[in-house]
Amino acid sequence: MNKSTQETQGVRTMKNPTLATLLNIIPGLGYIYVGRKRIFGLLILITVLLSIANAFDPVYADTPYIESGLIWELMYVATIILAIVAFMYDGYHDAVAHNNTLNEKPD
């Protein structure tokens, strides 16, 4: 029985914590990979994609750079970086917790 057949038949497989961490560089993908927080991961991914689409909105193209405020942009970037690091950390620990539930012996 191959891996994809096992997953479709409900057999849970071990997840690689490092891969979950790297996938969460794009917030939400690591959660979808591990499968424990799929809805949360999907909502985060949609939010990130909509934010990126909004950043390239032509309405903001005419706003002068100085007017927008450099400090606000730096705070925005710092917030995004901190959020990504938090998602990566949580994705790693979520994969480890998933694997620990698979390793538990039933009574």
Protein backbone atom coordinates (compact mmCIF):
# COMPACT_ATOMS: atom_id res chain seq x y z
CA MET A 1 0.00 0.00 0.00
CA ASN A 2 1.56 3.30 -1.06
CA LYS A 3 1.58 6.49 1.00
CA SER A 4 -1.28 8.29 -0.80
CA THR A 5 -3.49 5.19 -0.51
CA GLN A 6 -2.77 5.01 3.22
CA GLU A 7 -3.75 8.64 3.76
CA THR A 8 -7.00 8.31 1.79
CA GLN A 9 -7.93 5.24 3.83
CA GLY A 10 -7.47 7.15 7.09
CA VAL A 11 -4.06 5.77 8.07
CA ARG A 12 -2.13 8.61 9.70
CA THR A 13 1.50 8.99 8.72
CA MET A 14 4.45 10.64 10.43
CA LYS A 15 5.10 14.25 9.46
CA ASN A 16 8.52 15.86 9.09
CA PRO A 17 8.78 18.76 11.62
CA THR A 18 11.49 20.48 9.55
CA LEU A 19 9.30 20.40 6.44
CA ALA A 20 6.36 21.77 8.45
CA THR A 21 8.63 24.58 9.66
CA LEU A 22 9.82 25.43 6.15
CA LEU A 23 6.32 25.28 4.69
CA ASN A 24 5.12 27.76 7.31
CA ILE A 25 7.43 30.38 5.81
CA ILE A 26 4.29 30.88 3.75
CA PRO A 27 1.92 31.01 6.73
CA GLY A 28 -0.66 28.26 6.69
CA LEU A 29 1.04 25.71 4.45
CA GLY A 30 2.73 23.89 7.33
CA TYR A 31 -0.60 23.50 9.11
CA ILE A 32 -2.22 22.11 5.98
CA TYR A 33 0.71 19.68 5.59
CA VAL A 34 0.46 18.39 9.18
CA GLY A 35 -3.32 18.21 8.98
CA ARG A 36 -4.08 19.15 12.58
CA LYS A 37 -5.17 22.74 11.93
CA ARG A 38 -6.19 22.60 8.27
CA ILE A 39 -9.02 25.14 8.47
CA PHE A 40 -6.83 27.57 10.46
CA GLY A 41 -4.00 27.09 7.98
CA LEU A 42 -6.29 27.70 5.03
CA LEU A 43 -7.68 30.88 6.60
CA ILE A 44 -4.17 32.16 7.34
CA LEU A 45 -3.04 31.37 3.79
CA ILE A 46 -6.05 33.20 2.29
CA THR A 47 -5.40 36.20 4.55
CA VAL A 48 -1.76 36.36 3.47
CA LEU A 49 -2.65 36.08 -0.21
CA LEU A 50 -5.29 38.82 0.10
CA SER A 51 -2.80 41.05 1.93
CA ILE A 52 -0.26 40.58 -0.83
CA ALA A 53 -2.90 41.35 -3.46
CA ASN A 54 -3.88 44.48 -1.52
CA ALA A 55 -0.25 45.63 -1.33
CA PHE A 56 -0.14 45.78 -5.13
CA ASP A 57 -3.45 47.64 -5.40
CA PRO A 58 -3.01 50.47 -7.95
CA VAL A 59 -4.97 52.86 -5.68
CA TYR A 60 -1.86 53.16 -3.49
CA ALA A 61 0.53 53.61 -6.38
CA ASP A 62 0.19 57.42 -6.38
CA THR A 63 0.83 57.82 -2.64
CA PRO A 64 4.25 59.42 -2.08
CA TYR A 65 6.70 57.27 -0.13
CA ILE A 66 7.44 59.95 2.49
CA GLU A 67 3.75 60.53 3.11
CA SER A 68 3.16 56.85 3.90
CA GLY A 69 5.73 56.97 6.69
CA LEU A 70 8.89 54.91 6.79
CA ILE A 71 8.38 53.98 10.45
CA TRP A 72 4.99 52.42 9.69
CA GLU A 73 6.44 50.39 6.86
CA LEU A 74 9.28 49.14 9.07
CA MET A 75 6.79 48.18 11.77
CA TYR A 76 4.69 46.38 9.16
CA VAL A 77 7.70 44.39 7.92
CA ALA A 78 8.80 43.59 11.49
CA THR A 79 5.29 42.36 12.32
CA ILE A 80 5.24 40.11 9.26
CA ILE A 81 8.66 38.66 10.11
CA LEU A 82 7.64 37.99 13.72
CA ALA A 83 4.39 36.36 12.59
CA ILE A 84 6.23 34.10 10.14
CA VAL A 85 8.72 33.05 12.82
CA ALA A 86 5.82 32.31 15.19
CA PHE A 87 4.05 30.23 12.52
CA MET A 88 7.26 28.34 11.78
CA TYR A 89 7.79 27.60 15.48
CA ASP A 90 4.20 26.47 15.93
CA GLY A 91 4.30 24.36 12.75
CA TYR A 92 7.35 22.52 14.02
CA HIS A 93 5.79 21.78 17.39
CA ASP A 94 2.48 20.84 15.77
CA ALA A 95 4.25 18.21 13.64
CA VAL A 96 6.09 16.86 16.71
CA ALA A 97 2.79 16.63 18.62
CA HIS A 98 1.20 14.87 15.65
CA ASN A 99 4.04 12.34 15.57
CA ASN A 100 3.82 11.83 19.34
CA THR A 101 0.14 10.90 19.05
CA LEU A 102 1.08 8.31 16.43
CA ASN A 103 3.79 6.83 18.67
CA GLU A 104 1.50 6.39 21.68
CA LYS A 105 0.61 2.79 22.35
CA PRO A 106 -3.11 2.11 22.83
CA ASP A 107 -4.02 0.65 26.23
